[in-house]
C-alpha atoms as a PDB file:
ATOM      1  CA  MET A   1     -13.606  16.052  15.411  1.00  0.00           C
ATOM      2  CA  LEU A   2     -16.795  14.133  14.654  1.00  0.00           C
ATOM      3  CA  THR A   3     -15.846  11.600  17.329  1.00  0.00           C
ATOM      4  CA  ALA A   4     -15.836  14.377  19.921  1.00  0.00           C
ATOM      5  CA  ILE A   5     -19.220  15.673  18.794  1.00  0.00           C
ATOM      6  CA  ALA A   6     -21.075  12.387  18.180  1.00  0.00           C
ATOM      7  CA  PRO A   7     -19.113   9.410  19.530  1.00  0.00           C
ATOM      8  CA  THR A   8     -22.100   7.050  19.392  1.00  0.00           C
ATOM      9  CA  LEU A   9     -22.724   7.829  15.738  1.00  0.00           C
ATOM     10  CA  VAL A  10     -19.063   7.347  14.901  1.00  0.00           C
ATOM     11  CA  GLU A  11     -18.994   4.003  16.688  1.00  0.00           C
ATOM     12  CA  ARG A  12     -22.124   2.877  14.872  1.00  0.00           C
ATOM     13  CA  ILE A  13     -20.936   3.792  11.352  1.00  0.00           C
ATOM     14  CA  SER A  14     -17.185   3.197  11.632  1.00  0.00           C
ATOM     15  CA  GLY A  15     -17.319  -0.458  10.584  1.00  0.00           C
ATOM     16  CA  ALA A  16     -19.393   0.245   7.484  1.00  0.00           C
ATOM     17  CA  LEU A  17     -17.207   3.222   6.552  1.00  0.00           C
ATOM     18  CA  SER A  18     -14.061   1.120   6.912  1.00  0.00           C
ATOM     19  CA  VAL A  19     -15.468  -1.496   4.549  1.00  0.00           C
ATOM     20  CA  LEU A  20     -16.592   1.216   2.140  1.00  0.00           C
ATOM     21  CA  ALA A  21     -13.131   2.805   2.199  1.00  0.00           C
ATOM     22  CA  VAL A  22     -11.435  -0.518   1.406  1.00  0.00           C
ATOM     23  CA  VAL A  23     -13.859  -1.222  -1.443  1.00  0.00           C
ATOM     24  CA  PHE A  24     -13.436   2.306  -2.824  1.00  0.00           C
ATOM     25  CA  PHE A  25      -9.633   2.038  -2.613  1.00  0.00           C
ATOM     26  CA  ALA A  26      -9.699  -1.358  -4.368  1.00  0.00           C
ATOM     27  CA  VAL A  27     -11.897   0.025  -7.162  1.00  0.00           C
ATOM     28  CA  ILE A  28      -9.503   2.927  -7.699  1.00  0.00           C
ATOM     29  CA  ILE A  29      -6.489   0.605  -7.823  1.00  0.00           C
ATOM     30  CA  VAL A  30      -8.174  -1.828 -10.221  1.00  0.00           C
ATOM     31  CA  ALA A  31      -9.289   1.051 -12.458  1.00  0.00           C
ATOM     32  CA  ALA A  32      -5.805   2.578 -12.480  1.00  0.00           C
ATOM     33  CA  ILE A  33      -4.193  -0.760 -13.329  1.00  0.00           C
ATOM     34  CA  ALA A  34      -6.785  -1.485 -16.032  1.00  0.00           C
ATOM     35  CA  ALA A  35      -6.348   1.952 -17.593  1.00  0.00           C
ATOM     36  CA  ASN A  36      -2.587   1.534 -17.688  1.00  0.00           C
ATOM     37  CA  MET A  37      -2.275  -2.212 -18.287  1.00  0.00           C
ATOM     38  CA  GLN A  38      -0.265  -1.776 -21.482  1.00  0.00           C
ATOM     39  CA  VAL A  39       2.302   0.459 -19.767  1.00  0.00           C
ATOM     40  CA  ILE A  40       2.596  -2.022 -16.903  1.00  0.00           C
ATOM     41  CA  THR A  41       2.938  -5.114 -19.094  1.00  0.00           C
ATOM     42  CA  ASP A  42       5.404  -3.400 -21.438  1.00  0.00           C
ATOM     43  CA  ASN A  43       7.683  -2.553 -18.518  1.00  0.00           C
ATOM     44  CA  PHE A  44       7.155  -5.503 -16.198  1.00  0.00           C
ATOM     45  CA  ALA A  45      10.065  -7.557 -17.511  1.00  0.00           C
ATOM     46  CA  THR A  46      12.590  -4.778 -17.022  1.00  0.00           C
ATOM     47  CA  MET A  47      11.273  -3.429 -13.723  1.00  0.00           C
ATOM     48  CA  GLY A  48       9.437  -6.312 -12.056  1.00  0.00           C
ATOM     49  CA  ALA A  49      12.344  -7.829 -10.145  1.00  0.00           C
ATOM     50  CA  ALA A  50      13.591  -4.462  -8.880  1.00  0.00           C
ATOM     51  CA  VAL A  51      10.101  -3.509  -7.751  1.00  0.00           C
ATOM     52  CA  ILE A  52       9.663  -6.795  -5.874  1.00  0.00           C
ATOM     53  CA  VAL A  53      13.032  -6.319  -4.160  1.00  0.00           C
ATOM     54  CA  LEU A  54      12.094  -2.741  -3.226  1.00  0.00           C
ATOM     55  CA  MET A  55       8.798  -3.919  -1.744  1.00  0.00           C
ATOM     56  CA  VAL A  56      10.450  -6.647   0.320  1.00  0.00           C
ATOM     57  CA  ILE A  57      13.106  -4.203   1.529  1.00  0.00           C
ATOM     58  CA  MET A  58      10.499  -1.619   2.553  1.00  0.00           C
ATOM     59  CA  LEU A  59       8.398  -4.187   4.425  1.00  0.00           C
ATOM     60  CA  SER A  60      11.528  -5.517   6.164  1.00  0.00           C
ATOM     61  CA  LEU A  61      12.732  -2.027   7.099  1.00  0.00           C
ATOM     62  CA  GLY A  62       9.306  -1.253   8.531  1.00  0.00           C
ATOM     63  CA  LEU A  63       9.381  -4.362  10.713  1.00  0.00           C
ATOM     64  CA  MET A  64      12.969  -3.776  11.803  1.00  0.00           C
ATOM     65  CA  SER A  65      12.364  -0.123  12.639  1.00  0.00           C
ATOM     66  CA  GLY A  66       9.359  -1.095  14.756  1.00  0.00           C
ATOM     67  CA  ARG A  67      11.488  -3.610  16.640  1.00  0.00           C
ATOM     68  CA  ALA A  68      14.347  -1.134  17.019  1.00  0.00           C
ATOM     69  CA  MET A  69      11.938   1.369  18.577  1.00  0.00           C
ATOM     70  CA  GLY A  70      10.602  -1.287  20.942  1.00  0.00           C
ATOM     71  CA  LEU A  71       7.108  -1.125  19.493  1.00  0.00           C
ATOM     72  CA  ASP A  72       4.429  -3.777  19.739  1.00  0.00           C
ATOM     73  CA  PRO A  73       4.690  -6.237  16.801  1.00  0.00           C
ATOM     74  CA  ARG A  74       1.326  -5.010  15.484  1.00  0.00           C
ATOM     75  CA  ASP A  75       2.672  -1.455  15.350  1.00  0.00           C
ATOM     76  CA  GLY A  76       5.770  -2.714  13.537  1.00  0.00           C
ATOM     77  CA  SER A  77       3.512  -4.444  11.020  1.00  0.00           C
ATOM     78  CA  THR A  78       1.618  -1.197  10.506  1.00  0.00           C
ATOM     79  CA  ILE A  79       4.847   0.696   9.856  1.00  0.00           C
ATOM     80  CA  ALA A  80       5.928  -1.983   7.392  1.00  0.00           C
ATOM     81  CA  ILE A  81       2.630  -1.884   5.524  1.00  0.00           C
ATOM     82  CA  GLU A  82       2.584   1.900   5.379  1.00  0.00           C
ATOM     83  CA  SER A  83       6.193   1.942   4.175  1.00  0.00           C
ATOM     84  CA  GLY A  84       5.566  -0.630   1.482  1.00  0.00           C
ATOM     85  CA  ILE A  85       2.205   0.430   0.103  1.00  0.00           C
ATOM     86  CA  GLN A  86       2.381   4.223   0.111  1.00  0.00           C
ATOM     87  CA  ASN A  87       5.266   4.329  -2.359  1.00  0.00           C
ATOM     88  CA  GLY A  88       3.342   3.347  -5.501  1.00  0.00           C
ATOM     89  CA  THR A  89       0.615   5.950  -5.307  1.00  0.00           C
ATOM     90  CA  LEU A  90       3.029   8.688  -4.339  1.00  0.00           C
ATOM     91  CA  GLY A  91       5.386   7.811  -7.174  1.00  0.00           C
ATOM     92  CA  VAL A  92       2.663   7.868  -9.830  1.00  0.00           C
ATOM     93  CA  ALA A  93       1.434  11.224  -8.534  1.00  0.00           C
ATOM     94  CA  VAL A  94       4.920  12.744  -8.455  1.00  0.00           C
ATOM     95  CA  GLY A  95       5.644  11.348 -11.934  1.00  0.00           C
ATOM     96  CA  ALA A  96       2.462  12.959 -13.279  1.00  0.00           C
ATOM     97  CA  ILE A  97       3.291  16.283 -11.630  1.00  0.00           C
ATOM     98  CA  VAL A  98       6.849  16.266 -12.982  1.00  0.00           C
ATOM     99  CA  ALA A  99       5.637  15.339 -16.465  1.00  0.00           C
ATOM    100  CA  ALA A 100       3.013  18.090 -16.397  1.00  0.00           C
ATOM    101  CA  GLN A 101       5.728  20.593 -15.497  1.00  0.00           C
ATOM    102  CA  LEU A 102       8.128  19.405 -18.191  1.00  0.00           C
ATOM    103  CA  ILE A 103       5.773  18.405 -20.994  1.00  0.00           C
ATOM    104  CA  ASP A 104       2.946  20.766 -21.852  1.00  0.00           C
ATOM    105  CA  GLY A 105      -0.376  18.899 -21.834  1.00  0.00           C
ATOM    106  CA  ALA A 106       1.027  15.609 -20.525  1.00  0.00           C
ATOM    107  CA  THR A 107      -1.659  13.181 -19.402  1.00  0.00           C
ATOM    108  CA  GLY A 108      -1.738   9.607 -18.136  1.00  0.00           C
ATOM    109  CA  ILE A 109       1.290   7.881 -16.721  1.00  0.00           C
ATOM    110  CA  SER A 110       4.469   9.524 -17.900  1.00  0.00           C
ATOM    111  CA  THR A 111       7.786   7.774 -18.219  1.00  0.00           C
ATOM    112  CA  PHE A 112       8.565   9.302 -14.817  1.00  0.00           C
ATOM    113  CA  GLY A 113       5.688   7.365 -13.268  1.00  0.00           C
ATOM    114  CA  VAL A 114       6.143   4.003 -15.021  1.00  0.00           C
ATOM    115  CA  PRO A 115       8.247   2.413 -12.250  1.00  0.00           C
ATOM    116  CA  SER A 116       5.635   3.483  -9.723  1.00  0.00           C
ATOM    117  CA  ALA A 117       2.836   2.112 -11.871  1.00  0.00           C
ATOM    118  CA  VAL A 118       4.592  -1.242 -12.058  1.00  0.00           C
ATOM    119  CA  TYR A 119       5.162  -1.048  -8.299  1.00  0.00           C
ATOM    120  CA  GLY A 120       1.497  -0.257  -7.762  1.00  0.00           C
ATOM    121  CA  ALA A 121       0.429  -3.283  -9.774  1.00  0.00           C
ATOM    122  CA  ILE A 122       2.826  -5.693  -8.060  1.00  0.00           C
ATOM    123  CA  MET A 123       2.701  -4.438  -4.480  1.00  0.00           C
ATOM    124  CA  TYR A 124      -0.575  -6.125  -3.638  1.00  0.00           C
ATOM    125  CA  PHE A 125       0.783  -9.539  -4.604  1.00  0.00           C
ATOM    126  CA  ILE A 126       3.475  -9.020  -1.983  1.00  0.00           C
ATOM    127  CA  ALA A 127       1.497  -6.972   0.549  1.00  0.00           C
ATOM    128  CA  VAL A 128      -1.542  -9.250   0.871  1.00  0.00           C
ATOM    129  CA  PRO A 129       0.478 -12.361   1.830  1.00  0.00           C
ATOM    130  CA  PHE A 130       2.558 -10.178   4.162  1.00  0.00           C
ATOM    131  CA  VAL A 131      -0.582  -8.857   5.883  1.00  0.00           C
ATOM    132  CA  LEU A 132      -2.018 -12.365   6.216  1.00  0.00           C
ATOM    133  CA  TRP A 133       1.286 -13.622   7.654  1.00  0.00           C
ATOM    134  CA  ARG A 134       1.498 -10.778  10.173  1.00  0.00           C
ATOM    135  CA  LYS A 135      -2.155 -11.266  11.101  1.00  0.00           C
ATOM    136  CA  SER A 136      -1.563 -14.964  11.780  1.00  0.00           C
ATOM    137  CA  LYS A 137       1.517 -14.091  13.879  1.00  0.00           C
ATOM    138  CA  SER A 138      -0.572 -11.594  15.826  1.00  0.00           C
ATOM    139  CA  LYS A 139      -3.280 -14.198  16.523  1.00  0.00           C
ATOM    140  CA  GLN A 140      -0.667 -16.729  17.656  1.00  0.00           C
ATOM    141  CA  ALA A 141       0.720 -14.205  20.126  1.00  0.00           C
ATOM    142  CA  VAL A 142      -2.743 -13.481  21.552  1.00  0.00           C
ATOM    143  CA  GLU A 143      -4.056 -17.054  21.766  1.00  0.00           C
ATOM    144  CA  PRO A 144      -3.079 -18.932  24.929  1.00  0.00           C
ATOM    145  CA  ALA A 145      -0.911 -21.978  24.427  1.00  0.00           C
ATOM    146  CA  ALA A 146      -2.806 -25.279  24.417  1.00  0.00           C
ATOM    147  CA  ALA A 147      -2.046 -27.485  27.374  1.00  0.00           C
END
C-alpha cells in the first residue's frame, strides 16, 4: 500500500529496511538460542541427525517442486529456503501454544517445542551454505561464458 502512495520513498528506504529486518531477525534468533541453549544442547544428540535430514529433505523438495512447476531456478531456490527455514519458528510457536493449553502457566520451550528449537538452532548451519551455493549457481547462469 505504501508503494502505491509513495513509491519514491519506498525505493529510497527499501535497502536500509531490508538490512534492518535481517539484523533484527538475526538478533531474535541469537537471543532465542541463547535463552534456550541448555534445552538445545541436552537434546542435540538425540535429535540432531533427524533435524539435519529433515532440513535437507525440505530444501530438496523445495528445489524439486520449483523444477516440476517449470519455475526459474531462483524461484525454486526461494521455495526451498522458505520450506526449510519456516519450520523451526512455526514449530516452537505451536509447541508453546499446545503447552499453554495443556499445562497451566507453561512458559519457555515446552517438550512439544524442543525438536523445533533444535531445528531452529541447526537450520542456519545448513541454510547459509545452501543459500551461498544457490547464489553462486545463479551468478554462473547470468554471467556470459568466457571465450
